[in-house]
Amino acid sequence: THSPTHKVKMAYTEDTKWRNRSTFLEGREQVASFLKQKWDREHNYRLIKELWAYSERRIAVRFAYEYQNEQQQQQDDVENKDK
């Protein structure tokens, strides 16, 4: 059985490029590592994705998500990502 991180990373190309605030990631393995660390500290994660724009080679997506931290406190966040 594959982990959730493995399943999600397979949705991206091997040469994918991500930006998460000041963190820049390149490649599927960096994305998987980033997500594992994120999900280890964020529980009951809920993700909403909204397609903003796309062209032949790029897409822009808005992410809004909620989670509980280790103290079970609710957290909300919104990000914009270019892929």
C-alpha atoms as a PDB file:
ATOM      1  CA  THR A   1       0.000   0.000   0.000  1.00  0.00           C
ATOM      2  CA  HIS A   2       1.326   3.410  -0.933  1.00  0.00           C
ATOM      3  CA  SER A   3       1.394   6.360   1.442  1.00  0.00           C
ATOM      4  CA  PRO A   4      -0.773   9.435   0.752  1.00  0.00           C
ATOM      5  CA  THR A   5       2.430  11.336  -0.083  1.00  0.00           C
ATOM      6  CA  HIS A   6       3.321   8.801  -2.778  1.00  0.00           C
ATOM      7  CA  LYS A   7      -0.146   8.969  -4.311  1.00  0.00           C
ATOM      8  CA  VAL A   8      -0.108  12.766  -4.435  1.00  0.00           C
ATOM      9  CA  LYS A   9       3.427  13.072  -5.798  1.00  0.00           C
ATOM     10  CA  MET A  10       2.515  10.790  -8.710  1.00  0.00           C
ATOM     11  CA  ALA A  11       0.018  13.427  -9.879  1.00  0.00           C
ATOM     12  CA  TYR A  12       2.964  15.692 -10.765  1.00  0.00           C
ATOM     13  CA  THR A  13       5.594  15.380 -13.479  1.00  0.00           C
ATOM     14  CA  GLU A  14       9.157  14.448 -12.528  1.00  0.00           C
ATOM     15  CA  ASP A  15      10.302  17.981 -13.422  1.00  0.00           C
ATOM     16  CA  THR A  16       7.462  19.834 -11.665  1.00  0.00           C
ATOM     17  CA  LYS A  17       8.231  23.250 -10.152  1.00  0.00           C
ATOM     18  CA  TRP A  18       6.483  24.478  -7.010  1.00  0.00           C
ATOM     19  CA  ARG A  19       6.582  27.615  -4.930  1.00  0.00           C
ATOM     20  CA  ASN A  20       5.222  27.676  -1.401  1.00  0.00           C
ATOM     21  CA  ARG A  21       5.721  31.178  -0.050  1.00  0.00           C
ATOM     22  CA  SER A  22       9.534  31.473   0.149  1.00  0.00           C
ATOM     23  CA  THR A  23      10.208  27.784  -0.510  1.00  0.00           C
ATOM     24  CA  PHE A  24      10.998  26.739  -4.071  1.00  0.00           C
ATOM     25  CA  LEU A  25      10.796  23.067  -4.978  1.00  0.00           C
ATOM     26  CA  GLU A  26      11.895  21.258  -8.111  1.00  0.00           C
ATOM     27  CA  GLY A  27      10.989  17.716  -8.960  1.00  0.00           C
ATOM     28  CA  ARG A  28       8.577  15.145  -7.678  1.00  0.00           C
ATOM     29  CA  GLU A  29      10.860  13.930  -4.853  1.00  0.00           C
ATOM     30  CA  GLN A  30      11.248  17.424  -3.345  1.00  0.00           C
ATOM     31  CA  VAL A  31       7.475  17.838  -3.462  1.00  0.00           C
ATOM     32  CA  ALA A  32       7.005  14.481  -1.704  1.00  0.00           C
ATOM     33  CA  SER A  33       9.505  15.373   1.022  1.00  0.00           C
ATOM     34  CA  PHE A  34       7.884  18.772   1.556  1.00  0.00           C
ATOM     35  CA  LEU A  35       4.395  17.252   1.784  1.00  0.00           C
ATOM     36  CA  LYS A  36       5.489  14.530   4.219  1.00  0.00           C
ATOM     37  CA  GLN A  37       6.984  17.114   6.596  1.00  0.00           C
ATOM     38  CA  LYS A  38       3.905  19.301   6.243  1.00  0.00           C
ATOM     39  CA  TRP A  39       1.442  16.480   6.869  1.00  0.00           C
ATOM     40  CA  ASP A  40       3.445  15.162   9.833  1.00  0.00           C
ATOM     41  CA  ARG A  41       2.668  18.399  11.709  1.00  0.00           C
ATOM     42  CA  GLU A  42      -0.746  19.277  10.182  1.00  0.00           C
ATOM     43  CA  HIS A  43      -3.663  16.972  11.078  1.00  0.00           C
ATOM     44  CA  ASN A  44      -7.217  16.652   9.715  1.00  0.00           C
ATOM     45  CA  TYR A  45      -6.038  18.439   6.609  1.00  0.00           C
ATOM     46  CA  ARG A  46      -8.674  19.811   4.203  1.00  0.00           C
ATOM     47  CA  LEU A  47      -7.611  21.220   0.817  1.00  0.00           C
ATOM     48  CA  ILE A  48      -9.614  23.290  -1.659  1.00  0.00           C
ATOM     49  CA  LYS A  49      -8.090  23.981  -5.093  1.00  0.00           C
ATOM     50  CA  GLU A  50      -9.318  26.573  -7.567  1.00  0.00           C
ATOM     51  CA  LEU A  51      -7.954  26.921 -11.102  1.00  0.00           C
ATOM     52  CA  TRP A  52      -7.216  30.599 -11.774  1.00  0.00           C
ATOM     53  CA  ALA A  53      -5.663  30.540 -15.230  1.00  0.00           C
ATOM     54  CA  TYR A  54      -3.841  28.321 -17.654  1.00  0.00           C
ATOM     55  CA  SER A  55      -1.870  28.479 -20.874  1.00  0.00           C
ATOM     56  CA  GLU A  56      -0.255  25.879 -23.060  1.00  0.00           C
ATOM     57  CA  ARG A  57       2.582  25.177 -20.576  1.00  0.00           C
ATOM     58  CA  ARG A  58       1.543  26.677 -17.209  1.00  0.00           C
ATOM     59  CA  ILE A  59      -1.308  26.763 -14.769  1.00  0.00           C
ATOM     60  CA  ALA A  60      -2.049  29.029 -11.813  1.00  0.00           C
ATOM     61  CA  VAL A  61      -3.940  27.475  -8.909  1.00  0.00           C
ATOM     62  CA  ARG A  62      -5.308  28.953  -5.691  1.00  0.00           C
ATOM     63  CA  PHE A  63      -5.086  26.698  -2.644  1.00  0.00           C
ATOM     64  CA  ALA A  64      -7.072  27.239   0.546  1.00  0.00           C
ATOM     65  CA  TYR A  65      -6.668  24.773   3.356  1.00  0.00           C
ATOM     66  CA  GLU A  66      -7.516  24.051   6.949  1.00  0.00           C
ATOM     67  CA  TYR A  67      -5.821  21.804   9.472  1.00  0.00           C
ATOM     68  CA  GLN A  68      -5.271  21.228  13.154  1.00  0.00           C
ATOM     69  CA  ASN A  69      -1.806  21.578  14.653  1.00  0.00           C
ATOM     70  CA  GLU A  70      -0.335  19.286  17.324  1.00  0.00           C
ATOM     71  CA  GLN A  71      -2.320  21.167  19.991  1.00  0.00           C
ATOM     72  CA  GLN A  72      -5.534  20.470  18.017  1.00  0.00           C
ATOM     73  CA  GLN A  73      -6.004  24.172  17.254  1.00  0.00           C
ATOM     74  CA  GLN A  74      -7.747  25.060  13.990  1.00  0.00           C
ATOM     75  CA  GLN A  75      -5.551  26.793  11.390  1.00  0.00           C
ATOM     76  CA  ASP A  76      -6.618  28.353   8.078  1.00  0.00           C
ATOM     77  CA  ASP A  77      -4.359  29.364   5.238  1.00  0.00           C
ATOM     78  CA  VAL A  78      -4.583  30.491   1.617  1.00  0.00           C
ATOM     79  CA  GLU A  79      -1.829  30.224  -0.999  1.00  0.00           C
ATOM     80  CA  ASN A  80      -1.439  30.975  -4.663  1.00  0.00           C
ATOM     81  CA  LYS A  81       0.848  28.696  -6.650  1.00  0.00           C
ATOM     82  CA  ASP A  82       2.180  28.804 -10.165  1.00  0.00           C
ATOM     83  CA  LYS A  83       3.064  25.458 -11.700  1.00  0.00           C
END
